[in-house]
Amino acid sequence: GVKMIRRIKNIQPLSNLQLRVCFDDGRVVLYAVAEDVRDIPSYAPLKELTGLFEQVKIDQSRSCVYWNDEIDLPSDAIYEYGCELSPAAA
């Protein structure tokens, strides 16, 4: 079947390189970017450059978040691998 594009409604950078991400369908997840920073060398600046992580943005299609030209995350990865938060906690 056709994969639905997971559109991001908003994002909030939290401590310890975590992102709280709300999707259009109401799902809210906590995504540990720290794991990507550990596994993917090009993500290292997120840990090393003070303030960079907090500058996370959503691209125009709302199917991706990014920090700069080198570092981005597709929404479906966040959707799939993030820890779902109960709506009460959101």
N, C-alpha and C. Protein backbone atom coordinates (compact mmCIF):
# COMPACT_ATOMS: atom_id res chain seq x y z
N GLY A 1 0.82 -1.21 0.00
CA GLY A 1 0.00 0.00 0.00
C GLY A 1 0.86 1.26 0.00
N VAL A 2 0.21 2.36 -0.25
CA VAL A 2 0.93 3.64 -0.25
C VAL A 2 1.21 4.03 1.20
N LYS A 3 2.44 4.39 1.47
CA LYS A 3 2.78 4.82 2.82
C LYS A 3 2.29 6.24 3.04
N MET A 4 1.61 6.41 4.13
CA MET A 4 1.16 7.76 4.48
C MET A 4 2.37 8.58 4.91
N ILE A 5 2.40 9.80 4.48
CA ILE A 5 3.44 10.69 4.96
C ILE A 5 3.04 11.18 6.34
N ARG A 6 3.90 10.98 7.29
CA ARG A 6 3.62 11.41 8.67
C ARG A 6 3.94 12.88 8.79
N ARG A 7 2.94 13.71 8.84
CA ARG A 7 3.20 15.15 8.92
C ARG A 7 3.34 15.59 10.37
N ILE A 8 4.32 16.43 10.60
CA ILE A 8 4.63 16.89 11.95
C ILE A 8 3.90 18.20 12.22
N LYS A 9 3.21 18.23 13.34
CA LYS A 9 2.49 19.44 13.72
C LYS A 9 3.41 20.39 14.48
N ASN A 10 4.11 19.88 15.48
CA ASN A 10 5.11 20.70 16.15
C ASN A 10 6.17 19.85 16.83
N ILE A 11 7.28 20.49 17.13
CA ILE A 11 8.39 19.82 17.78
C ILE A 11 8.87 20.66 18.94
N GLN A 12 9.41 19.98 19.93
CA GLN A 12 9.94 20.68 21.09
C GLN A 12 11.23 19.98 21.51
N PRO A 13 12.37 20.68 21.43
CA PRO A 13 13.62 20.07 21.89
C PRO A 13 13.65 20.03 23.40
N LEU A 14 14.01 18.88 23.96
CA LEU A 14 14.09 18.72 25.41
C LEU A 14 15.54 18.45 25.80
N SER A 15 15.79 18.33 27.09
CA SER A 15 17.14 18.05 27.55
C SER A 15 17.57 16.65 27.10
N ASN A 16 18.86 16.39 27.20
CA ASN A 16 19.42 15.08 26.85
C ASN A 16 19.15 14.69 25.40
N LEU A 17 19.15 15.68 24.50
CA LEU A 17 18.97 15.41 23.07
C LEU A 17 17.71 14.61 22.76
N GLN A 18 16.63 14.97 23.42
CA GLN A 18 15.36 14.34 23.12
C GLN A 18 14.44 15.33 22.43
N LEU A 19 13.62 14.82 21.53
CA LEU A 19 12.64 15.64 20.83
C LEU A 19 11.24 15.15 21.19
N ARG A 20 10.38 16.09 21.51
CA ARG A 20 8.97 15.76 21.69
C ARG A 20 8.27 16.20 20.41
N VAL A 21 7.65 15.26 19.73
CA VAL A 21 7.10 15.52 18.40
C VAL A 21 5.61 15.19 18.37
N CYS A 22 4.80 16.17 17.92
CA CYS A 22 3.37 15.95 17.74
C CYS A 22 3.08 15.80 16.26
N PHE A 23 2.32 14.77 15.93
CA PHE A 23 1.93 14.55 14.53
C PHE A 23 0.49 14.96 14.29
N ASP A 24 0.17 15.17 13.02
CA ASP A 24 -1.18 15.59 12.65
C ASP A 24 -2.26 14.61 13.10
N ASP A 25 -1.89 13.31 13.19
CA ASP A 25 -2.91 12.33 13.58
C ASP A 25 -3.09 12.24 15.09
N GLY A 26 -2.40 13.13 15.83
CA GLY A 26 -2.59 13.17 17.28
C GLY A 26 -1.54 12.38 18.05
N ARG A 27 -0.75 11.60 17.36
CA ARG A 27 0.29 10.84 18.06
C ARG A 27 1.39 11.78 18.54
N VAL A 28 1.82 11.57 19.77
CA VAL A 28 2.90 12.36 20.35
C VAL A 28 4.00 11.40 20.78
N VAL A 29 5.21 11.63 20.31
CA VAL A 29 6.29 10.73 20.68
C VAL A 29 7.49 11.48 21.24
N LEU A 30 8.27 10.76 22.02
CA LEU A 30 9.54 11.25 22.53
C LEU A 30 10.61 10.50 21.75
N TYR A 31 11.44 11.24 21.02
CA TYR A 31 12.44 10.60 20.18
C TYR A 31 13.83 10.91 20.72
N ALA A 32 14.62 9.86 20.92
CA ALA A 32 15.97 10.03 21.48
C ALA A 32 16.97 10.27 20.35
N VAL A 33 17.26 11.53 20.09
CA VAL A 33 18.25 11.86 19.06
C VAL A 33 19.65 11.43 19.53
N ALA A 34 19.82 11.29 20.83
CA ALA A 34 21.11 10.89 21.40
C ALA A 34 21.60 9.58 20.78
N GLU A 35 20.68 8.67 20.46
CA GLU A 35 21.08 7.40 19.87
C GLU A 35 21.65 7.62 18.46
N ASP A 36 21.03 8.53 17.70
CA ASP A 36 21.55 8.84 16.36
C ASP A 36 22.91 9.52 16.48
N VAL A 37 23.05 10.39 17.46
CA VAL A 37 24.31 11.11 17.66
C VAL A 37 25.43 10.10 17.94
N ARG A 38 25.09 9.05 18.70
CA ARG A 38 26.07 8.03 19.04
C ARG A 38 26.43 7.19 17.80
N ASP A 39 25.44 6.89 16.95
CA ASP A 39 25.63 5.95 15.84
C ASP A 39 26.04 6.59 14.52
N ILE A 40 25.71 7.87 14.33
CA ILE A 40 25.94 8.52 13.04
C ILE A 40 26.93 9.68 13.21
N PRO A 41 28.13 9.53 12.67
CA PRO A 41 29.17 10.55 12.90
C PRO A 41 28.75 11.97 12.54
N SER A 42 27.98 12.14 11.46
CA SER A 42 27.63 13.50 11.04
C SER A 42 26.69 14.20 12.02
N TYR A 43 26.13 13.43 12.97
CA TYR A 43 25.22 14.03 13.96
C TYR A 43 25.96 14.59 15.18
N ALA A 44 27.27 14.34 15.25
CA ALA A 44 28.06 14.75 16.42
C ALA A 44 27.89 16.22 16.82
N PRO A 45 27.78 17.15 15.85
CA PRO A 45 27.65 18.56 16.25
C PRO A 45 26.45 18.83 17.16
N LEU A 46 25.43 18.01 17.09
CA LEU A 46 24.26 18.22 17.95
C LEU A 46 24.66 18.15 19.42
N LYS A 47 25.67 17.33 19.69
CA LYS A 47 26.13 17.21 21.07
C LYS A 47 27.22 18.22 21.36
N GLU A 48 28.05 18.49 20.33
CA GLU A 48 29.25 19.30 20.56
C GLU A 48 29.01 20.80 20.49
N LEU A 49 28.07 21.23 19.65
CA LEU A 49 27.84 22.66 19.50
C LEU A 49 26.69 23.11 20.40
N THR A 50 27.01 23.92 21.39
CA THR A 50 26.00 24.39 22.32
C THR A 50 24.91 25.16 21.60
N GLY A 51 23.68 24.80 21.86
CA GLY A 51 22.56 25.55 21.30
C GLY A 51 22.07 25.05 19.96
N LEU A 52 22.86 24.22 19.27
CA LEU A 52 22.43 23.75 17.95
C LEU A 52 21.18 22.88 18.04
N PHE A 53 21.18 21.96 19.00
CA PHE A 53 20.05 21.04 19.10
C PHE A 53 18.72 21.79 19.26
N GLU A 54 18.76 22.88 20.03
CA GLU A 54 17.54 23.66 20.29
C GLU A 54 17.03 24.40 19.06
N GLN A 55 17.87 24.46 18.02
CA GLN A 55 17.48 25.19 16.80
C GLN A 55 16.77 24.30 15.79
N VAL A 56 16.26 23.16 16.23
CA VAL A 56 15.60 22.22 15.33
C VAL A 56 14.43 22.90 14.61
N LYS A 57 14.27 22.61 13.33
CA LYS A 57 13.19 23.20 12.53
C LYS A 57 12.43 22.11 11.79
N ILE A 58 11.23 22.44 11.36
CA ILE A 58 10.44 21.52 10.53
C ILE A 58 10.52 22.01 9.09
N ASP A 59 10.76 21.10 8.15
CA ASP A 59 10.84 21.56 6.76
C ASP A 59 9.44 21.89 6.22
N GLN A 60 9.40 22.47 5.03
CA GLN A 60 8.12 22.97 4.51
C GLN A 60 7.08 21.88 4.31
N SER A 61 7.53 20.68 3.95
CA SER A 61 6.58 19.60 3.72
C SER A 61 6.07 19.01 5.04
N ARG A 62 6.73 19.38 6.13
CA ARG A 62 6.40 18.87 7.47
C ARG A 62 6.59 17.36 7.56
N SER A 63 7.47 16.81 6.70
CA SER A 63 7.74 15.38 6.74
C SER A 63 9.18 15.12 7.20
N CYS A 64 9.80 16.15 7.74
CA CYS A 64 11.20 16.04 8.10
C CYS A 64 11.54 17.15 9.09
N VAL A 65 12.39 16.85 10.07
CA VAL A 65 12.94 17.92 10.91
C VAL A 65 14.43 18.01 10.59
N TYR A 66 14.99 19.19 10.77
CA TYR A 66 16.40 19.35 10.43
C TYR A 66 17.06 20.39 11.32
N TRP A 67 18.37 20.29 11.37
CA TRP A 67 19.18 21.26 12.10
C TRP A 67 20.03 22.08 11.14
N ASN A 68 20.57 21.42 10.14
CA ASN A 68 21.35 22.11 9.10
C ASN A 68 21.37 21.23 7.86
N ASP A 69 22.21 21.56 6.89
CA ASP A 69 22.23 20.81 5.63
C ASP A 69 22.64 19.35 5.82
N GLU A 70 23.41 19.08 6.88
CA GLU A 70 23.92 17.72 7.07
C GLU A 70 23.03 16.87 7.96
N ILE A 71 22.27 17.52 8.81
CA ILE A 71 21.58 16.76 9.85
C ILE A 71 20.07 16.92 9.74
N ASP A 72 19.40 15.83 9.40
CA ASP A 72 17.95 15.87 9.38
C ASP A 72 17.38 14.50 9.76
N LEU A 73 16.11 14.47 10.06
CA LEU A 73 15.43 13.25 10.48
C LEU A 73 14.09 13.17 9.77
N PRO A 74 13.81 12.07 9.07
CA PRO A 74 12.50 11.94 8.43
C PRO A 74 11.41 11.66 9.47
N SER A 75 10.23 12.19 9.20
CA SER A 75 9.14 12.05 10.16
C SER A 75 8.76 10.60 10.39
N ASP A 76 8.86 9.76 9.35
CA ASP A 76 8.44 8.38 9.57
C ASP A 76 9.36 7.63 10.53
N ALA A 77 10.64 8.00 10.54
CA ALA A 77 11.56 7.38 11.50
C ALA A 77 11.20 7.81 12.92
N ILE A 78 10.90 9.09 13.09
CA ILE A 78 10.50 9.58 14.41
C ILE A 78 9.22 8.88 14.85
N TYR A 79 8.29 8.77 13.91
CA TYR A 79 6.98 8.17 14.19
C TYR A 79 7.15 6.71 14.62
N GLU A 80 8.02 6.01 13.90
CA GLU A 80 8.18 4.58 14.13
C GLU A 80 9.01 4.28 15.36
N TYR A 81 10.09 5.03 15.56
CA TYR A 81 11.04 4.69 16.62
C TYR A 81 10.88 5.50 17.89
N GLY A 82 10.05 6.55 17.84
CA GLY A 82 9.84 7.32 19.04
C GLY A 82 9.01 6.56 20.06
N CYS A 83 9.14 6.92 21.32
CA CYS A 83 8.32 6.32 22.36
C CYS A 83 7.02 7.11 22.45
N GLU A 84 5.92 6.44 22.23
CA GLU A 84 4.65 7.15 22.24
C GLU A 84 4.32 7.65 23.64
N LEU A 85 3.89 8.89 23.71
CA LEU A 85 3.46 9.46 24.98
C LEU A 85 1.95 9.40 25.04
N SER A 86 1.42 9.13 26.20
CA SER A 86 -0.04 9.11 26.31
C SER A 86 -0.53 10.54 26.17
N PRO A 87 -1.71 10.74 25.55
CA PRO A 87 -2.24 12.09 25.37
C PRO A 87 -2.31 12.88 26.68
N ALA A 88 -2.50 12.18 27.77
CA ALA A 88 -2.56 12.87 29.07
C ALA A 88 -1.24 13.55 29.39
N ALA A 89 -0.15 12.88 29.03
CA ALA A 89 1.17 13.44 29.31
C ALA A 89 1.51 14.55 28.33
N ALA A 90 0.83 14.55 27.19
CA ALA A 90 1.08 15.54 26.16
C ALA A 90 0.37 16.80 26.52
